[in-house]
Amino acid sequence: MYAVKNHSLFYNGHPFSILLSIAGVDEYFSYTKLSHYNLLGEWFLGAIILLYILYPFLLKLLKYPIIASVGIVVLYIWQIYTDVFEIESKFNLISCIISFWFGILFIKYYIQIEKLVNNRKSLIALFLCFMALLFIPFEVLGENLICHVMGIFLFLILFFGGTRDTGKGILKKIMLLVGKLSYPIFLVHHRIIYQVVSKMRILFEGKEIVMMEVLGLVITFLLTIIIAGLLYLMNDRFKKLIIGIKEKMDKRD
């Protein structure tokens, strides 16, 4: 779309930087001075790719969980209160590592966490803590820190509370459908948000009104599901085509 609009495949003037799009990290590096085409996913996709590159190193650190955890937390707190990085705190890779590290620890100590949290009283306590954080001004602890703690609380609440009710009836069907489309949704939703928001602003002449927000959310949701579904079908058909070609070649051999 952008190539046709600008009458050039390399419309951004830096052919080499399109490799960032191929690698899936262009949106992440859009927060730096590096030139970029910003074509795929969102900043979080680039962060995920970089985190999985770091994963083998983090796995080695897991042999020393207490020392590694203290070191990562100290590094995280340091980056919150420093301006040494081009990428601001909430997008910074160190900030992403703290969430990733929590996930690694969650799996390592799952049985212990399940015994501690997987009961109604603990879930209610977590929910009350989550709600209390909503009323703490960001300047007290910092937006990044508050959002991380809220994210961990919300994850535990949804994980242990949600698994009780989502494995039955219509909820199970919805979860299976969303699960199947989750990756295509992840790839396309941000681009759809950009398009819908820009069109809505023109339609409502830049006015920030509730109707615009709700309508924009509904349209974004429907378009995301439809386009993600089409992307899933295209990918499925393409895989079957490749498998069919391979099978024919194997028969010839």
C-alpha atoms as a PDB file:
ATOM      1  CA  MET A   1       0.000   0.000   0.000  1.00  0.00           C
ATOM      2  CA  TYR A   2       2.758   2.454   0.954  1.00  0.00           C
ATOM      3  CA  ALA A   3       4.934   1.449  -2.021  1.00  0.00           C
ATOM      4  CA  VAL A   4       2.062   2.130  -4.474  1.00  0.00           C
ATOM      5  CA  LYS A   5       1.175   5.387  -2.745  1.00  0.00           C
ATOM      6  CA  ASN A   6       4.783   6.641  -2.881  1.00  0.00           C
ATOM      7  CA  HIS A   7       5.594   5.135  -6.317  1.00  0.00           C
ATOM      8  CA  SER A   8       8.647   3.315  -4.969  1.00  0.00           C
ATOM      9  CA  LEU A   9       9.391   0.059  -3.156  1.00  0.00           C
ATOM     10  CA  PHE A  10      12.064   1.852  -1.140  1.00  0.00           C
ATOM     11  CA  TYR A  11       9.949   4.962  -0.549  1.00  0.00           C
ATOM     12  CA  ASN A  12      11.623   5.661   2.788  1.00  0.00           C
ATOM     13  CA  GLY A  13      14.973   6.126   1.084  1.00  0.00           C
ATOM     14  CA  HIS A  14      16.916   3.509   3.033  1.00  0.00           C
ATOM     15  CA  PRO A  15      16.759   0.089   1.301  1.00  0.00           C
ATOM     16  CA  PHE A  16      18.958  -1.573   3.948  1.00  0.00           C
ATOM     17  CA  SER A  17      16.602  -0.641   6.794  1.00  0.00           C
ATOM     18  CA  ILE A  18      13.753  -2.624   5.209  1.00  0.00           C
ATOM     19  CA  LEU A  19      15.619  -5.644   6.619  1.00  0.00           C
ATOM     20  CA  LEU A  20      14.330  -4.499  10.008  1.00  0.00           C
ATOM     21  CA  SER A  21      10.818  -5.171   8.676  1.00  0.00           C
ATOM     22  CA  ILE A  22      11.829  -8.614   7.431  1.00  0.00           C
ATOM     23  CA  ALA A  23      13.317  -9.334  10.876  1.00  0.00           C
ATOM     24  CA  GLY A  24      10.112  -8.103  12.553  1.00  0.00           C
ATOM     25  CA  VAL A  25      11.834  -5.474  14.710  1.00  0.00           C
ATOM     26  CA  ASP A  26      11.213  -2.282  12.718  1.00  0.00           C
ATOM     27  CA  GLU A  27       8.476  -0.907  15.000  1.00  0.00           C
ATOM     28  CA  TYR A  28      10.667  -1.446  18.068  1.00  0.00           C
ATOM     29  CA  PHE A  29      13.585   0.437  16.518  1.00  0.00           C
ATOM     30  CA  SER A  30      11.245   3.228  15.400  1.00  0.00           C
ATOM     31  CA  TYR A  31      11.813   4.639  18.906  1.00  0.00           C
ATOM     32  CA  THR A  32      15.520   5.136  18.100  1.00  0.00           C
ATOM     33  CA  LYS A  33      17.344   7.274  15.541  1.00  0.00           C
ATOM     34  CA  LEU A  34      17.597   4.317  13.144  1.00  0.00           C
ATOM     35  CA  SER A  35      15.697   4.760   9.889  1.00  0.00           C
ATOM     36  CA  HIS A  36      12.805   2.361   9.501  1.00  0.00           C
ATOM     37  CA  TYR A  37       9.795   1.401   7.360  1.00  0.00           C
ATOM     38  CA  ASN A  38       7.590   0.478  10.288  1.00  0.00           C
ATOM     39  CA  LEU A  39       5.575  -2.130   8.354  1.00  0.00           C
ATOM     40  CA  LEU A  40       5.015  -5.105  10.633  1.00  0.00           C
ATOM     41  CA  GLY A  41       3.223  -5.613  13.938  1.00  0.00           C
ATOM     42  CA  GLU A  42       4.038  -3.182  16.733  1.00  0.00           C
ATOM     43  CA  TRP A  43       6.961  -2.406  19.049  1.00  0.00           C
ATOM     44  CA  PHE A  44       6.135  -5.422  21.217  1.00  0.00           C
ATOM     45  CA  LEU A  45       6.763  -7.866  18.341  1.00  0.00           C
ATOM     46  CA  GLY A  46      10.348  -6.616  18.062  1.00  0.00           C
ATOM     47  CA  ALA A  47      10.728  -6.817  21.831  1.00  0.00           C
ATOM     48  CA  ILE A  48       9.494 -10.447  21.835  1.00  0.00           C
ATOM     49  CA  ILE A  49      11.965 -11.423  19.099  1.00  0.00           C
ATOM     50  CA  LEU A  50      14.856  -9.805  20.997  1.00  0.00           C
ATOM     51  CA  LEU A  51      13.737 -11.474  24.245  1.00  0.00           C
ATOM     52  CA  TYR A  52      13.776 -14.923  22.649  1.00  0.00           C
ATOM     53  CA  ILE A  53      17.262 -14.229  21.317  1.00  0.00           C
ATOM     54  CA  LEU A  54      18.239 -13.526  24.951  1.00  0.00           C
ATOM     55  CA  TYR A  55      16.318 -16.570  26.248  1.00  0.00           C
ATOM     56  CA  PRO A  56      19.260 -19.052  26.243  1.00  0.00           C
ATOM     57  CA  PHE A  57      21.271 -16.595  28.357  1.00  0.00           C
ATOM     58  CA  LEU A  58      18.349 -16.050  30.757  1.00  0.00           C
ATOM     59  CA  LEU A  59      17.918 -19.823  31.011  1.00  0.00           C
ATOM     60  CA  LYS A  60      21.515 -20.103  32.252  1.00  0.00           C
ATOM     61  CA  LEU A  61      20.805 -17.415  34.851  1.00  0.00           C
ATOM     62  CA  LEU A  62      17.913 -19.554  36.106  1.00  0.00           C
ATOM     63  CA  LYS A  63      20.489 -21.828  37.761  1.00  0.00           C
ATOM     64  CA  TYR A  64      20.950 -18.973  40.261  1.00  0.00           C
ATOM     65  CA  PRO A  65      17.346 -17.720  40.621  1.00  0.00           C
ATOM     66  CA  ILE A  66      17.780 -15.468  43.683  1.00  0.00           C
ATOM     67  CA  ILE A  67      20.983 -13.750  42.532  1.00  0.00           C
ATOM     68  CA  ALA A  68      19.648 -13.401  38.967  1.00  0.00           C
ATOM     69  CA  SER A  69      16.298 -12.031  40.166  1.00  0.00           C
ATOM     70  CA  VAL A  70      17.946  -9.438  42.417  1.00  0.00           C
ATOM     71  CA  GLY A  71      20.279  -8.394  39.583  1.00  0.00           C
ATOM     72  CA  ILE A  72      17.438  -8.073  37.037  1.00  0.00           C
ATOM     73  CA  VAL A  73      15.263  -6.084  39.488  1.00  0.00           C
ATOM     74  CA  VAL A  74      18.159  -3.701  40.287  1.00  0.00           C
ATOM     75  CA  LEU A  75      18.843  -3.268  36.560  1.00  0.00           C
ATOM     76  CA  TYR A  76      15.131  -2.632  35.958  1.00  0.00           C
ATOM     77  CA  ILE A  77      14.863   0.010  38.705  1.00  0.00           C
ATOM     78  CA  TRP A  78      18.041   1.673  37.403  1.00  0.00           C
ATOM     79  CA  GLN A  79      16.702   1.998  33.866  1.00  0.00           C
ATOM     80  CA  ILE A  80      13.432   3.496  35.160  1.00  0.00           C
ATOM     81  CA  TYR A  81      15.283   6.446  36.681  1.00  0.00           C
ATOM     82  CA  THR A  82      17.913   7.018  33.994  1.00  0.00           C
ATOM     83  CA  ASP A  83      17.812   8.663  30.572  1.00  0.00           C
ATOM     84  CA  VAL A  84      20.863   6.884  29.166  1.00  0.00           C
ATOM     85  CA  PHE A  85      18.777   4.926  26.637  1.00  0.00           C
ATOM     86  CA  GLU A  86      17.187   6.240  23.448  1.00  0.00           C
ATOM     87  CA  ILE A  87      14.160   4.004  23.996  1.00  0.00           C
ATOM     88  CA  GLU A  88      12.028   5.283  26.861  1.00  0.00           C
ATOM     89  CA  SER A  89      11.471   3.230  29.996  1.00  0.00           C
ATOM     90  CA  LYS A  90       8.167   1.503  29.163  1.00  0.00           C
ATOM     91  CA  PHE A  91       9.483   0.296  25.775  1.00  0.00           C
ATOM     92  CA  ASN A  92      13.014  -0.428  26.955  1.00  0.00           C
ATOM     93  CA  LEU A  93      14.241  -3.998  26.550  1.00  0.00           C
ATOM     94  CA  ILE A  94      15.315  -4.119  30.222  1.00  0.00           C
ATOM     95  CA  SER A  95      11.734  -3.258  31.169  1.00  0.00           C
ATOM     96  CA  CYS A  96      10.506  -6.097  28.957  1.00  0.00           C
ATOM     97  CA  ILE A  97      12.993  -8.523  30.518  1.00  0.00           C
ATOM     98  CA  ILE A  98      11.418  -8.083  33.968  1.00  0.00           C
ATOM     99  CA  SER A  99       8.044  -9.313  32.619  1.00  0.00           C
ATOM    100  CA  PHE A 100       9.727 -12.123  30.685  1.00  0.00           C
ATOM    101  CA  TRP A 101      11.701 -13.158  33.770  1.00  0.00           C
ATOM    102  CA  PHE A 102       8.491 -13.274  35.832  1.00  0.00           C
ATOM    103  CA  GLY A 103       7.054 -15.673  33.246  1.00  0.00           C
ATOM    104  CA  ILE A 104      10.134 -17.904  33.495  1.00  0.00           C
ATOM    105  CA  LEU A 105       9.925 -17.942  37.308  1.00  0.00           C
ATOM    106  CA  PHE A 106       6.165 -18.599  37.107  1.00  0.00           C
ATOM    107  CA  ILE A 107       6.777 -21.813  35.172  1.00  0.00           C
ATOM    108  CA  LYS A 108       9.726 -22.872  37.350  1.00  0.00           C
ATOM    109  CA  TYR A 109       7.758 -22.400  40.586  1.00  0.00           C
ATOM    110  CA  TYR A 110       4.294 -23.088  39.206  1.00  0.00           C
ATOM    111  CA  ILE A 111       3.354 -25.741  41.781  1.00  0.00           C
ATOM    112  CA  GLN A 112       4.322 -23.494  44.705  1.00  0.00           C
ATOM    113  CA  ILE A 113       2.515 -20.477  43.215  1.00  0.00           C
ATOM    114  CA  GLU A 114      -0.579 -22.565  42.481  1.00  0.00           C
ATOM    115  CA  LYS A 115      -0.782 -23.697  46.124  1.00  0.00           C
ATOM    116  CA  LEU A 116      -0.423 -20.098  47.294  1.00  0.00           C
ATOM    117  CA  VAL A 117      -2.731 -18.316  44.857  1.00  0.00           C
ATOM    118  CA  ASN A 118      -5.228 -20.827  43.467  1.00  0.00           C
ATOM    119  CA  ASN A 119      -8.007 -20.188  45.992  1.00  0.00           C
ATOM    120  CA  ARG A 120     -10.822 -17.681  46.258  1.00  0.00           C
ATOM    121  CA  LYS A 121      -9.400 -15.683  49.186  1.00  0.00           C
ATOM    122  CA  SER A 122      -6.020 -15.162  47.507  1.00  0.00           C
ATOM    123  CA  LEU A 123      -7.661 -14.130  44.224  1.00  0.00           C
ATOM    124  CA  ILE A 124      -9.887 -11.616  46.050  1.00  0.00           C
ATOM    125  CA  ALA A 125      -6.825 -10.219  47.859  1.00  0.00           C
ATOM    126  CA  LEU A 126      -4.964  -9.884  44.545  1.00  0.00           C
ATOM    127  CA  PHE A 127      -7.965  -8.152  42.988  1.00  0.00           C
ATOM    128  CA  LEU A 128      -8.174  -5.660  45.891  1.00  0.00           C
ATOM    129  CA  CYS A 129      -4.451  -4.925  45.539  1.00  0.00           C
ATOM    130  CA  PHE A 130      -4.954  -4.456  41.806  1.00  0.00           C
ATOM    131  CA  MET A 131      -7.819  -2.004  42.421  1.00  0.00           C
ATOM    132  CA  ALA A 132      -5.761  -0.112  45.052  1.00  0.00           C
ATOM    133  CA  LEU A 133      -2.996   0.471  42.500  1.00  0.00           C
ATOM    134  CA  LEU A 134      -5.509   2.208  40.229  1.00  0.00           C
ATOM    135  CA  PHE A 135      -5.700   5.060  42.748  1.00  0.00           C
ATOM    136  CA  ILE A 136      -1.938   5.540  43.219  1.00  0.00           C
ATOM    137  CA  PRO A 137      -0.668   8.558  41.200  1.00  0.00           C
ATOM    138  CA  PHE A 138       1.984   7.562  38.670  1.00  0.00           C
ATOM    139  CA  GLU A 139       4.449  10.087  40.066  1.00  0.00           C
ATOM    140  CA  VAL A 140       4.538   8.230  43.421  1.00  0.00           C
ATOM    141  CA  LEU A 141       6.089   4.974  42.130  1.00  0.00           C
ATOM    142  CA  GLY A 142       6.355   5.666  38.411  1.00  0.00           C
ATOM    143  CA  GLU A 143       4.032   4.570  35.606  1.00  0.00           C
ATOM    144  CA  ASN A 144       6.312   1.733  34.495  1.00  0.00           C
ATOM    145  CA  LEU A 145       6.590   0.120  37.926  1.00  0.00           C
ATOM    146  CA  ILE A 146       2.883   0.440  38.722  1.00  0.00           C
ATOM    147  CA  CYS A 147       1.887  -1.037  35.349  1.00  0.00           C
ATOM    148  CA  HIS A 148       4.262  -3.982  35.803  1.00  0.00           C
ATOM    149  CA  VAL A 149       2.915  -4.829  39.260  1.00  0.00           C
ATOM    150  CA  MET A 150      -0.685  -4.426  38.030  1.00  0.00           C
ATOM    151  CA  GLY A 151       0.118  -6.639  35.052  1.00  0.00           C
ATOM    152  CA  ILE A 152       1.476  -9.406  37.296  1.00  0.00           C
ATOM    153  CA  PHE A 153      -1.566  -9.207  39.602  1.00  0.00           C
ATOM    154  CA  LEU A 154      -3.971  -9.250  36.657  1.00  0.00           C
ATOM    155  CA  PHE A 155      -2.158 -12.197  35.050  1.00  0.00           C
ATOM    156  CA  LEU A 156      -2.443 -14.270  38.241  1.00  0.00           C
ATOM    157  CA  ILE A 157      -6.126 -13.332  38.659  1.00  0.00           C
ATOM    158  CA  LEU A 158      -7.029 -14.217  35.064  1.00  0.00           C
ATOM    159  CA  PHE A 159      -4.857 -17.347  34.931  1.00  0.00           C
ATOM    160  CA  PHE A 160      -6.121 -19.009  38.090  1.00  0.00           C
ATOM    161  CA  GLY A 161      -9.612 -17.480  38.050  1.00  0.00           C
ATOM    162  CA  GLY A 162     -10.226 -17.834  34.327  1.00  0.00           C
ATOM    163  CA  THR A 163      -9.271 -21.477  33.935  1.00  0.00           C
ATOM    164  CA  ARG A 164     -12.232 -22.453  36.113  1.00  0.00           C
ATOM    165  CA  ASP A 165     -14.876 -20.982  33.815  1.00  0.00           C
ATOM    166  CA  THR A 166     -13.475 -20.901  30.269  1.00  0.00           C
ATOM    167  CA  GLY A 167     -13.366 -24.659  29.659  1.00  0.00           C
ATOM    168  CA  LYS A 168     -17.129 -25.083  29.318  1.00  0.00           C
ATOM    169  CA  GLY A 169     -19.912 -24.380  26.813  1.00  0.00           C
ATOM    170  CA  ILE A 170     -19.895 -21.282  24.642  1.00  0.00           C
ATOM    171  CA  LEU A 171     -16.917 -19.760  26.481  1.00  0.00           C
ATOM    172  CA  LYS A 172     -14.803 -22.748  25.490  1.00  0.00           C
ATOM    173  CA  LYS A 173     -15.753 -22.287  21.800  1.00  0.00           C
ATOM    174  CA  ILE A 174     -14.936 -18.572  21.960  1.00  0.00           C
ATOM    175  CA  MET A 175     -11.579 -19.266  23.622  1.00  0.00           C
ATOM    176  CA  LEU A 176     -10.688 -21.903  21.022  1.00  0.00           C
ATOM    177  CA  LEU A 177     -11.545 -19.499  18.171  1.00  0.00           C
ATOM    178  CA  VAL A 178      -9.635 -16.578  19.694  1.00  0.00           C
ATOM    179  CA  GLY A 179      -6.724 -18.897  20.495  1.00  0.00           C
ATOM    180  CA  LYS A 180      -6.567 -20.062  16.877  1.00  0.00           C
ATOM    181  CA  LEU A 181      -6.607 -16.477  15.587  1.00  0.00           C
ATOM    182  CA  SER A 182      -4.475 -14.960  18.357  1.00  0.00           C
ATOM    183  CA  TYR A 183      -1.253 -14.666  16.358  1.00  0.00           C
ATOM    184  CA  PRO A 184      -2.889 -13.224  13.195  1.00  0.00           C
ATOM    185  CA  ILE A 185      -4.779 -10.806  15.490  1.00  0.00           C
ATOM    186  CA  PHE A 186      -1.476  -9.799  17.066  1.00  0.00           C
ATOM    187  CA  LEU A 187       0.074  -9.140  13.644  1.00  0.00           C
ATOM    188  CA  VAL A 188      -2.731  -7.009  12.170  1.00  0.00           C
ATOM    189  CA  HIS A 189      -4.506  -5.221  15.033  1.00  0.00           C
ATOM    190  CA  HIS A 190      -2.084  -2.315  15.410  1.00  0.00           C
ATOM    191  CA  ARG A 191      -2.232  -1.407  11.712  1.00  0.00           C
ATOM    192  CA  ILE A 192      -6.029  -1.542  11.820  1.00  0.00           C
ATOM    193  CA  ILE A 193      -6.073   0.740  14.880  1.00  0.00           C
ATOM    194  CA  TYR A 194      -3.997   3.328  12.983  1.00  0.00           C
ATOM    195  CA  GLN A 195      -6.368   3.276  10.005  1.00  0.00           C
ATOM    196  CA  VAL A 196      -9.589   3.365  12.064  1.00  0.00           C
ATOM    197  CA  VAL A 197      -8.390   6.146  14.372  1.00  0.00           C
ATOM    198  CA  SER A 198      -7.281   8.352  11.460  1.00  0.00           C
ATOM    199  CA  LYS A 199     -10.625   7.864   9.664  1.00  0.00           C
ATOM    200  CA  MET A 200     -12.626   8.446  12.861  1.00  0.00           C
ATOM    201  CA  ARG A 201     -10.791  11.715  13.521  1.00  0.00           C
ATOM    202  CA  ILE A 202     -11.730  12.949  10.058  1.00  0.00           C
ATOM    203  CA  LEU A 203     -15.334  11.800  10.545  1.00  0.00           C
ATOM    204  CA  PHE A 204     -15.701  13.513  13.927  1.00  0.00           C
ATOM    205  CA  GLU A 205     -13.468  16.465  12.981  1.00  0.00           C
ATOM    206  CA  GLY A 206     -10.969  15.772  15.742  1.00  0.00           C
ATOM    207  CA  LYS A 207     -13.532  15.887  18.569  1.00  0.00           C
ATOM    208  CA  GLU A 208     -12.808  13.555  21.501  1.00  0.00           C
ATOM    209  CA  ILE A 209     -16.254  12.179  22.367  1.00  0.00           C
ATOM    210  CA  VAL A 210     -17.404   8.923  23.962  1.00  0.00           C
ATOM    211  CA  MET A 211     -19.401   7.851  20.893  1.00  0.00           C
ATOM    212  CA  MET A 212     -16.242   8.086  18.780  1.00  0.00           C
ATOM    213  CA  GLU A 213     -14.274   5.950  21.243  1.00  0.00           C
ATOM    214  CA  VAL A 214     -16.944   3.227  21.492  1.00  0.00           C
ATOM    215  CA  LEU A 215     -17.671   3.149  17.755  1.00  0.00           C
ATOM    216  CA  GLY A 216     -13.955   3.092  16.965  1.00  0.00           C
ATOM    217  CA  LEU A 217     -13.419   0.206  19.379  1.00  0.00           C
ATOM    218  CA  VAL A 218     -16.280  -1.848  17.874  1.00  0.00           C
ATOM    219  CA  ILE A 219     -15.135  -1.227  14.283  1.00  0.00           C
ATOM    220  CA  THR A 220     -11.523  -2.042  15.188  1.00  0.00           C
ATOM    221  CA  PHE A 221     -12.584  -5.269  16.906  1.00  0.00           C
ATOM    222  CA  LEU A 222     -14.731  -6.464  13.985  1.00  0.00           C
ATOM    223  CA  LEU A 223     -12.159  -5.575  11.318  1.00  0.00           C
ATOM    224  CA  THR A 224      -9.391  -7.222  13.334  1.00  0.00           C
ATOM    225  CA  ILE A 225     -11.328 -10.488  13.652  1.00  0.00           C
ATOM    226  CA  ILE A 226     -12.281 -10.494   9.948  1.00  0.00           C
ATOM    227  CA  ILE A 227      -8.808  -9.653   8.616  1.00  0.00           C
ATOM    228  CA  ALA A 228      -7.080 -11.989  11.087  1.00  0.00           C
ATOM    229  CA  GLY A 229      -9.462 -14.760   9.963  1.00  0.00           C
ATOM    230  CA  LEU A 230      -8.620 -14.103   6.293  1.00  0.00           C
ATOM    231  CA  LEU A 231      -4.902 -14.058   7.094  1.00  0.00           C
ATOM    232  CA  TYR A 232      -5.271 -17.375   8.926  1.00  0.00           C
ATOM    233  CA  LEU A 233      -7.101 -18.930   5.947  1.00  0.00           C
ATOM    234  CA  MET A 234      -4.540 -17.589   3.449  1.00  0.00           C
ATOM    235  CA  ASN A 235      -1.692 -18.962   5.538  1.00  0.00           C
ATOM    236  CA  ASP A 236      -3.467 -22.317   5.913  1.00  0.00           C
ATOM    237  CA  ARG A 237      -4.085 -22.566   2.146  1.00  0.00           C
ATOM    238  CA  PHE A 238      -0.471 -21.604   1.435  1.00  0.00           C
ATOM    239  CA  LYS A 239       0.851 -24.277   3.809  1.00  0.00           C
ATOM    240  CA  LYS A 240      -1.370 -26.928   2.179  1.00  0.00           C
ATOM    241  CA  LEU A 241      -0.121 -25.827  -1.248  1.00  0.00           C
ATOM    242  CA  ILE A 242       3.513 -26.160  -0.178  1.00  0.00           C
ATOM    243  CA  ILE A 243       2.839 -29.559   1.431  1.00  0.00           C
ATOM    244  CA  GLY A 244       1.059 -30.706  -1.755  1.00  0.00           C
ATOM    245  CA  ILE A 245       3.997 -29.639  -3.943  1.00  0.00           C
ATOM    246  CA  LYS A 246       6.442 -31.387  -1.601  1.00  0.00           C
ATOM    247  CA  GLU A 247       4.401 -34.616  -1.658  1.00  0.00           C
ATOM    248  CA  LYS A 248       4.351 -34.604  -5.481  1.00  0.00           C
ATOM    249  CA  MET A 249       8.110 -34.073  -5.569  1.00  0.00           C
ATOM    250  CA  ASP A 250       8.626 -36.924  -3.086  1.00  0.00           C
ATOM    251  CA  LYS A 251       6.515 -39.269  -5.251  1.00  0.00           C
ATOM    252  CA  ARG A 252       8.613 -38.394  -8.321  1.00  0.00           C
ATOM    253  CA  ASP A 253      11.785 -39.181  -6.394  1.00  0.00           C
END
